[in-house]
Amino acid sequence: MWCRMRDDERKETWDEFRGLVNMSPADLEKWLDSEESKSAGQHKDGGESTGHASGRRILGILRTNKGDLSDDDYQHMRKVVGYIRRHLAQRPSGDVRDTRWRYSLMNWGHDPLD
């Protein structure tokens, strides 16, 4: 069972999340509406990809007042931080502008070209 996060854990999570999620809510929303976004990532049973669903959740977090975020929101933020860090470590060589690698990261709110 999950316990309430301490204030210092919330601050650390917030700082890491905001340091890695570098897309604005407007840019993320526009991206999530694109065909490239919808085609990136792993799809379960032909439905929405995990990253695309996470992007919608991230959008909600970005649009919520910090004081109104729940422990569940902070848990998702930690998941986002972990995903982005792992994915950045797997950067392919060459130009990544039009790659599934970049598109997947962008679904999680991080554009590696910014």
Protein backbone atom coordinates (compact mmCIF):
# COMPACT_ATOMS: atom_id res chain seq x y z
CA MET A 1 0.00 0.00 0.00
CA TRP A 2 1.23 3.47 -0.90
CA CYS A 3 1.90 5.97 1.90
CA ARG A 4 1.57 9.72 1.63
CA MET A 5 4.67 11.37 0.18
CA ARG A 6 6.69 13.63 2.42
CA ASP A 7 7.02 17.27 1.42
CA ASP A 8 10.71 16.86 0.55
CA GLU A 9 9.85 13.88 -1.71
CA ARG A 10 7.15 15.94 -3.42
CA LYS A 11 9.58 18.81 -3.98
CA GLU A 12 12.26 16.50 -5.41
CA THR A 13 9.73 14.78 -7.67
CA TRP A 14 8.31 18.12 -8.85
CA ASP A 15 11.77 19.52 -9.60
CA GLU A 16 12.85 16.41 -11.55
CA PHE A 17 9.55 16.26 -13.44
CA ARG A 18 9.65 19.92 -14.41
CA GLY A 19 13.32 19.59 -15.39
CA LEU A 20 12.59 16.75 -17.81
CA VAL A 21 9.10 17.57 -19.08
CA ASN A 22 10.12 20.41 -21.37
CA MET A 23 7.02 20.67 -23.57
CA SER A 24 4.41 23.31 -22.76
CA PRO A 25 0.83 22.14 -22.21
CA ALA A 26 -0.17 23.69 -25.55
CA ASP A 27 2.69 21.99 -27.43
CA LEU A 28 2.04 18.64 -25.74
CA GLU A 29 -1.67 18.82 -26.51
CA LYS A 30 -0.98 19.65 -30.17
CA TRP A 31 1.55 16.80 -30.35
CA LEU A 32 -0.84 14.27 -28.77
CA ASP A 33 -3.40 15.09 -31.49
CA SER A 34 -0.92 14.24 -34.27
CA GLU A 35 -0.77 10.96 -36.17
CA GLU A 36 2.94 10.61 -35.31
CA SER A 37 2.08 10.71 -31.62
CA LYS A 38 -0.71 8.18 -31.94
CA SER A 39 1.50 5.74 -33.87
CA ALA A 40 4.48 5.84 -31.47
CA GLY A 41 5.00 3.45 -28.60
CA GLN A 42 3.63 0.08 -27.57
CA HIS A 43 -0.08 -0.40 -28.21
CA LYS A 44 -2.14 -2.78 -26.13
CA ASP A 45 -4.78 -4.70 -28.08
CA GLY A 46 -4.71 -2.14 -30.90
CA GLY A 47 -5.73 0.66 -28.53
CA GLU A 48 -3.92 3.70 -27.24
CA SER A 49 -0.20 3.34 -26.52
CA THR A 50 1.09 3.52 -22.96
CA GLY A 51 3.06 6.68 -23.77
CA HIS A 52 0.08 8.42 -25.38
CA ALA A 53 -2.08 7.69 -22.33
CA SER A 54 0.74 8.97 -20.12
CA GLY A 55 0.94 12.13 -22.21
CA ARG A 56 -2.73 12.83 -21.56
CA ARG A 57 -2.11 12.31 -17.84
CA ILE A 58 0.95 14.60 -17.96
CA LEU A 59 -1.16 17.25 -19.66
CA GLY A 60 -3.62 17.07 -16.77
CA ILE A 61 -0.79 17.38 -14.23
CA LEU A 62 0.67 20.40 -16.03
CA ARG A 63 -2.72 22.09 -15.99
CA THR A 64 -3.35 21.42 -12.30
CA ASN A 65 -2.31 23.85 -9.58
CA LYS A 66 0.71 22.39 -7.82
CA GLY A 67 -1.07 22.48 -4.46
CA ASP A 68 -3.94 20.42 -5.86
CA LEU A 69 -1.79 17.51 -7.08
CA SER A 70 -2.46 14.16 -5.40
CA ASP A 71 -0.01 11.51 -4.27
CA ASP A 72 -1.19 9.51 -7.28
CA ASP A 73 -0.18 12.43 -9.52
CA TYR A 74 3.24 12.50 -7.88
CA GLN A 75 3.61 8.75 -8.38
CA HIS A 76 2.90 9.24 -12.08
CA MET A 77 5.43 12.07 -12.18
CA ARG A 78 8.05 9.69 -10.76
CA LYS A 79 7.15 7.15 -13.44
CA VAL A 80 7.57 9.86 -16.12
CA VAL A 81 10.99 10.87 -14.74
CA GLY A 82 12.17 7.26 -14.77
CA TYR A 83 10.90 6.64 -18.29
CA ILE A 84 12.47 9.79 -19.74
CA ARG A 85 15.83 9.09 -18.09
CA ARG A 86 15.93 5.48 -19.33
CA HIS A 87 14.84 6.46 -22.82
CA LEU A 88 17.39 9.30 -23.09
CA ALA A 89 20.13 6.79 -22.23
CA GLN A 90 19.13 4.81 -25.35
CA ARG A 91 19.51 7.72 -27.79
CA PRO A 92 20.25 6.42 -31.27
CA SER A 93 23.10 7.86 -33.30
CA GLY A 94 22.47 10.36 -36.07
CA ASP A 95 19.60 12.73 -36.66
CA VAL A 96 16.70 11.86 -34.34
CA ARG A 97 14.23 14.47 -35.66
CA ASP A 98 11.83 12.03 -37.36
CA THR A 99 12.39 8.90 -35.27
CA ARG A 100 10.06 6.74 -33.20
CA TRP A 101 12.56 7.26 -30.36
CA ARG A 102 11.89 11.02 -30.33
CA TYR A 103 8.16 10.57 -30.87
CA SER A 104 7.95 8.21 -27.91
CA LEU A 105 9.76 10.70 -25.67
CA MET A 106 7.48 13.48 -26.84
CA ASN A 107 4.46 11.41 -25.80
CA TRP A 108 5.97 11.56 -22.30
CA GLY A 109 6.34 15.37 -22.51
CA HIS A 110 10.04 15.57 -23.41
CA ASP A 111 11.31 16.83 -26.76
CA PRO A 112 15.01 15.94 -26.98
CA LEU A 113 15.52 18.63 -29.63
CA ASP A 114 14.56 21.45 -27.25
